[in-house]
Amino acid sequence: MIITIRHQIERTNHKFDVKDPNNLASIEVWAICHEINVKAILVNGKYYETK
């Protein structure tokens, strides 16, 4: 499923293909954070952060 994440500071939209947007795998979180250069993301009201 495709999700869109908006970068809070840059105000840019980024699209990512994930297996389940309600429960991201740690590798998906790492890949998304690495791609948009952030340490944490909020997806569907859930907070995810890289370790």
PDB file of N, CA and C in Angstrom:
ATOM      1  N   MET A   1       0.850  -1.169   0.000  1.00  0.00           N
ATOM      2  CA  MET A   1       0.000   0.000   0.000  1.00  0.00           C
ATOM      3  C   MET A   1       0.899   1.236   0.000  1.00  0.00           C
ATOM      4  N   ILE A   2       0.510   2.241  -0.709  1.00  0.00           N
ATOM      5  CA  ILE A   2       1.267   3.486  -0.808  1.00  0.00           C
ATOM      6  C   ILE A   2       0.825   4.445   0.305  1.00  0.00           C
ATOM      7  N   ILE A   3       1.812   4.998   1.028  1.00  0.00           N
ATOM      8  CA  ILE A   3       1.527   6.023   2.029  1.00  0.00           C
ATOM      9  C   ILE A   3       2.256   7.304   1.624  1.00  0.00           C
ATOM     10  N   THR A   4       1.720   8.426   2.038  1.00  0.00           N
ATOM     11  CA  THR A   4       2.352   9.714   1.783  1.00  0.00           C
ATOM     12  C   THR A   4       2.720  10.343   3.116  1.00  0.00           C
ATOM     13  N   ILE A   5       3.975  10.745   3.228  1.00  0.00           N
ATOM     14  CA  ILE A   5       4.463  11.391   4.444  1.00  0.00           C
ATOM     15  C   ILE A   5       4.892  12.802   4.077  1.00  0.00           C
ATOM     16  N   ARG A   6       4.431  13.767   4.861  1.00  0.00           N
ATOM     17  CA  ARG A   6       4.793  15.168   4.630  1.00  0.00           C
ATOM     18  C   ARG A   6       5.886  15.558   5.621  1.00  0.00           C
ATOM     19  N   HIS A   7       7.000  16.035   5.081  1.00  0.00           N
ATOM     20  CA  HIS A   7       8.118  16.484   5.921  1.00  0.00           C
ATOM     21  C   HIS A   7       7.687  17.747   6.652  1.00  0.00           C
ATOM     22  N   GLN A   8       7.791  17.744   7.973  1.00  0.00           N
ATOM     23  CA  GLN A   8       7.265  18.826   8.794  1.00  0.00           C
ATOM     24  C   GLN A   8       7.958  20.158   8.544  1.00  0.00           C
ATOM     25  N   ILE A   9       9.249  20.153   8.331  1.00  0.00           N
ATOM     26  CA  ILE A   9       9.987  21.414   8.142  1.00  0.00           C
ATOM     27  C   ILE A   9      10.009  21.835   6.683  1.00  0.00           C
ATOM     28  N   GLU A  10      10.335  20.908   5.790  1.00  0.00           N
ATOM     29  CA  GLU A  10      10.474  21.231   4.371  1.00  0.00           C
ATOM     30  C   GLU A  10       9.137  21.341   3.638  1.00  0.00           C
ATOM     31  N   ARG A  11       8.082  20.801   4.231  1.00  0.00           N
ATOM     32  CA  ARG A  11       6.742  20.805   3.624  1.00  0.00           C
ATOM     33  C   ARG A  11       6.700  20.073   2.274  1.00  0.00           C
ATOM     34  N   THR A  12       7.519  19.029   2.143  1.00  0.00           N
ATOM     35  CA  THR A  12       7.524  18.227   0.924  1.00  0.00           C
ATOM     36  C   THR A  12       6.815  16.905   1.195  1.00  0.00           C
ATOM     37  N   ASN A  13       6.148  16.373   0.186  1.00  0.00           N
ATOM     38  CA  ASN A  13       5.455  15.090   0.300  1.00  0.00           C
ATOM     39  C   ASN A  13       6.318  13.983  -0.284  1.00  0.00           C
ATOM     40  N   HIS A  14       6.346  12.853   0.405  1.00  0.00           N
ATOM     41  CA  HIS A  14       7.121  11.694  -0.021  1.00  0.00           C
ATOM     42  C   HIS A  14       6.204  10.476   0.003  1.00  0.00           C
ATOM     43  N   LYS A  15       6.252   9.669  -1.057  1.00  0.00           N
ATOM     44  CA  LYS A  15       5.412   8.472  -1.149  1.00  0.00           C
ATOM     45  C   LYS A  15       6.270   7.231  -0.956  1.00  0.00           C
ATOM     46  N   PHE A  16       5.721   6.281  -0.196  1.00  0.00           N
ATOM     47  CA  PHE A  16       6.427   5.039   0.098  1.00  0.00           C
ATOM     48  C   PHE A  16       5.466   3.863  -0.017  1.00  0.00           C
ATOM     49  N   ASP A  17       5.984   2.756  -0.494  1.00  0.00           N
ATOM     50  CA  ASP A  17       5.204   1.527  -0.592  1.00  0.00           C
ATOM     51  C   ASP A  17       5.519   0.672   0.641  1.00  0.00           C
ATOM     52  N   VAL A  18       4.509   0.411   1.458  1.00  0.00           N
ATOM     53  CA  VAL A  18       4.691  -0.383   2.675  1.00  0.00           C
ATOM     54  C   VAL A  18       3.706  -1.549   2.679  1.00  0.00           C
ATOM     55  N   LYS A  19       4.023  -2.555   3.458  1.00  0.00           N
ATOM     56  CA  LYS A  19       3.170  -3.745   3.525  1.00  0.00           C
ATOM     57  C   LYS A  19       1.868  -3.459   4.275  1.00  0.00           C
ATOM     58  N   ASP A  20       1.985  -2.871   5.482  1.00  0.00           N
ATOM     59  CA  ASP A  20       0.814  -2.565   6.304  1.00  0.00           C
ATOM     60  C   ASP A  20       1.011  -1.188   6.937  1.00  0.00           C
ATOM     61  N   PRO A  21       0.280  -0.176   6.484  1.00  0.00           N
ATOM     62  CA  PRO A  21       0.488   1.176   6.995  1.00  0.00           C
ATOM     63  C   PRO A  21       0.112   1.347   8.469  1.00  0.00           C
ATOM     64  N   ASN A  22      -0.616   0.405   9.030  1.00  0.00           N
ATOM     65  CA  ASN A  22      -0.988   0.486  10.441  1.00  0.00           C
ATOM     66  C   ASN A  22       0.023  -0.177  11.366  1.00  0.00           C
ATOM     67  N   ASN A  23       0.988  -0.866  10.787  1.00  0.00           N
ATOM     68  CA  ASN A  23       2.010  -1.551  11.579  1.00  0.00           C
ATOM     69  C   ASN A  23       3.276  -1.681  10.740  1.00  0.00           C
ATOM     70  N   LEU A  24       4.090  -0.628  10.710  1.00  0.00           N
ATOM     71  CA  LEU A  24       5.291  -0.629   9.887  1.00  0.00           C
ATOM     72  C   LEU A  24       6.369  -1.529  10.484  1.00  0.00           C
ATOM     73  N   ALA A  25       7.065  -2.228   9.614  1.00  0.00           N
ATOM     74  CA  ALA A  25       8.202  -3.043  10.042  1.00  0.00           C
ATOM     75  C   ALA A  25       9.378  -2.120  10.326  1.00  0.00           C
ATOM     76  N   SER A  26      10.281  -2.555  11.187  1.00  0.00           N
ATOM     77  CA  SER A  26      11.413  -1.703  11.553  1.00  0.00           C
ATOM     78  C   SER A  26      12.282  -1.360  10.348  1.00  0.00           C
ATOM     79  N   ILE A  27      12.407  -2.259   9.388  1.00  0.00           N
ATOM     80  CA  ILE A  27      13.194  -1.969   8.183  1.00  0.00           C
ATOM     81  C   ILE A  27      12.499  -0.905   7.338  1.00  0.00           C
ATOM     82  N   GLU A  28      11.166  -0.904   7.319  1.00  0.00           N
ATOM     83  CA  GLU A  28      10.424   0.129   6.591  1.00  0.00           C
ATOM     84  C   GLU A  28      10.616   1.486   7.254  1.00  0.00           C
ATOM     85  N   VAL A  29      10.554   1.510   8.583  1.00  0.00           N
ATOM     86  CA  VAL A  29      10.754   2.760   9.328  1.00  0.00           C
ATOM     87  C   VAL A  29      12.154   3.296   9.057  1.00  0.00           C
ATOM     88  N   TRP A  30      13.158   2.412   9.129  1.00  0.00           N
ATOM     89  CA  TRP A  30      14.536   2.832   8.885  1.00  0.00           C
ATOM     90  C   TRP A  30      14.688   3.397   7.471  1.00  0.00           C
ATOM     91  N   ALA A  31      14.132   2.701   6.474  1.00  0.00           N
ATOM     92  CA  ALA A  31      14.262   3.135   5.082  1.00  0.00           C
ATOM     93  C   ALA A  31      13.595   4.489   4.850  1.00  0.00           C
ATOM     94  N   ILE A  32      12.412   4.678   5.409  1.00  0.00           N
ATOM     95  CA  ILE A  32      11.689   5.942   5.251  1.00  0.00           C
ATOM     96  C   ILE A  32      12.451   7.071   5.929  1.00  0.00           C
ATOM     97  N   CYS A  33      12.878   6.865   7.159  1.00  0.00           N
ATOM     98  CA  CYS A  33      13.610   7.899   7.890  1.00  0.00           C
ATOM     99  C   CYS A  33      14.918   8.247   7.193  1.00  0.00           C
ATOM    100  N   HIS A  34      15.600   7.245   6.697  1.00  0.00           N
ATOM    101  CA  HIS A  34      16.858   7.477   5.989  1.00  0.00           C
ATOM    102  C   HIS A  34      16.621   8.268   4.699  1.00  0.00           C
ATOM    103  N   GLU A  35      15.582   7.924   3.976  1.00  0.00           N
ATOM    104  CA  GLU A  35      15.261   8.578   2.697  1.00  0.00           C
ATOM    105  C   GLU A  35      14.961  10.071   2.869  1.00  0.00           C
ATOM    106  N   ILE A  36      14.209  10.422   3.913  1.00  0.00           N
ATOM    107  CA  ILE A  36      13.835  11.839   4.075  1.00  0.00           C
ATOM    108  C   ILE A  36      14.644  12.535   5.173  1.00  0.00           C
ATOM    109  N   ASN A  37      15.672  11.835   5.685  1.00  0.00           N
ATOM    110  CA  ASN A  37      16.630  12.409   6.629  1.00  0.00           C
ATOM    111  C   ASN A  37      15.973  12.922   7.910  1.00  0.00           C
ATOM    112  N   VAL A  38      15.219  12.021   8.561  1.00  0.00           N
ATOM    113  CA  VAL A  38      14.601  12.326   9.854  1.00  0.00           C
ATOM    114  C   VAL A  38      14.866  11.168  10.808  1.00  0.00           C
ATOM    115  N   LYS A  39      14.606  11.375  12.095  1.00  0.00           N
ATOM    116  CA  LYS A  39      14.825  10.320  13.085  1.00  0.00           C
ATOM    117  C   LYS A  39      13.536   9.641  13.500  1.00  0.00           C
ATOM    118  N   ALA A  40      12.382  10.272  13.202  1.00  0.00           N
ATOM    119  CA  ALA A  40      11.098   9.701  13.606  1.00  0.00           C
ATOM    120  C   ALA A  40      10.016  10.111  12.607  1.00  0.00           C
ATOM    121  N   ILE A  41       8.968   9.291  12.526  1.00  0.00           N
ATOM    122  CA  ILE A  41       7.833   9.584  11.655  1.00  0.00           C
ATOM    123  C   ILE A  41       6.532   9.294  12.396  1.00  0.00           C
ATOM    124  N   LEU A  42       5.479   9.909  11.938  1.00  0.00           N
ATOM    125  CA  LEU A  42       4.141   9.671  12.468  1.00  0.00           C
ATOM    126  C   LEU A  42       3.281   9.175  11.312  1.00  0.00           C
ATOM    127  N   VAL A  43       2.774   7.946  11.440  1.00  0.00           N
ATOM    128  CA  VAL A  43       1.966   7.332  10.386  1.00  0.00           C
ATOM    129  C   VAL A  43       0.675   6.815  10.995  1.00  0.00           C
ATOM    130  N   ASN A  44      -0.432   7.310  10.515  1.00  0.00           N
ATOM    131  CA  ASN A  44      -1.748   6.906  11.019  1.00  0.00           C
ATOM    132  C   ASN A  44      -1.846   7.030  12.541  1.00  0.00           C
ATOM    133  N   GLY A  45      -1.291   8.095  13.069  1.00  0.00           N
ATOM    134  CA  GLY A  45      -1.359   8.344  14.500  1.00  0.00           C
ATOM    135  C   GLY A  45      -0.385   7.547  15.339  1.00  0.00           C
ATOM    136  N   LYS A  46       0.483   6.752  14.730  1.00  0.00           N
ATOM    137  CA  LYS A  46       1.483   5.963  15.444  1.00  0.00           C
ATOM    138  C   LYS A  46       2.859   6.581  15.250  1.00  0.00           C
ATOM    139  N   TYR A  47       3.588   6.690  16.350  1.00  0.00           N
ATOM    140  CA  TYR A  47       4.925   7.276  16.339  1.00  0.00           C
ATOM    141  C   TYR A  47       5.958   6.170  16.152  1.00  0.00           C
ATOM    142  N   TYR A  48       6.841   6.341  15.166  1.00  0.00           N
ATOM    143  CA  TYR A  48       7.919   5.396  14.904  1.00  0.00           C
ATOM    144  C   TYR A  48       9.237   6.154  14.925  1.00  0.00           C
ATOM    145  N   GLU A  49      10.255   5.548  15.534  1.00  0.00           N
ATOM    146  CA  GLU A  49      11.559   6.211  15.541  1.00  0.00           C
ATOM    147  C   GLU A  49      12.644   5.200  15.280  1.00  0.00           C
ATOM    148  N   THR A  50      13.718   5.657  14.635  1.00  0.00           N
ATOM    149  CA  THR A  50      14.833   4.769  14.351  1.00  0.00           C
ATOM    150  C   THR A  50      15.652   4.561  15.605  1.00  0.00           C
ATOM    151  N   LYS A  51      16.222   3.421  15.724  1.00  0.00           N
ATOM    152  CA  LYS A  51      17.015   3.092  16.923  1.00  0.00           C
ATOM    153  C   LYS A  51      18.488   3.154  16.603  1.00  0.00           C
TER     154      LYS A  51
END
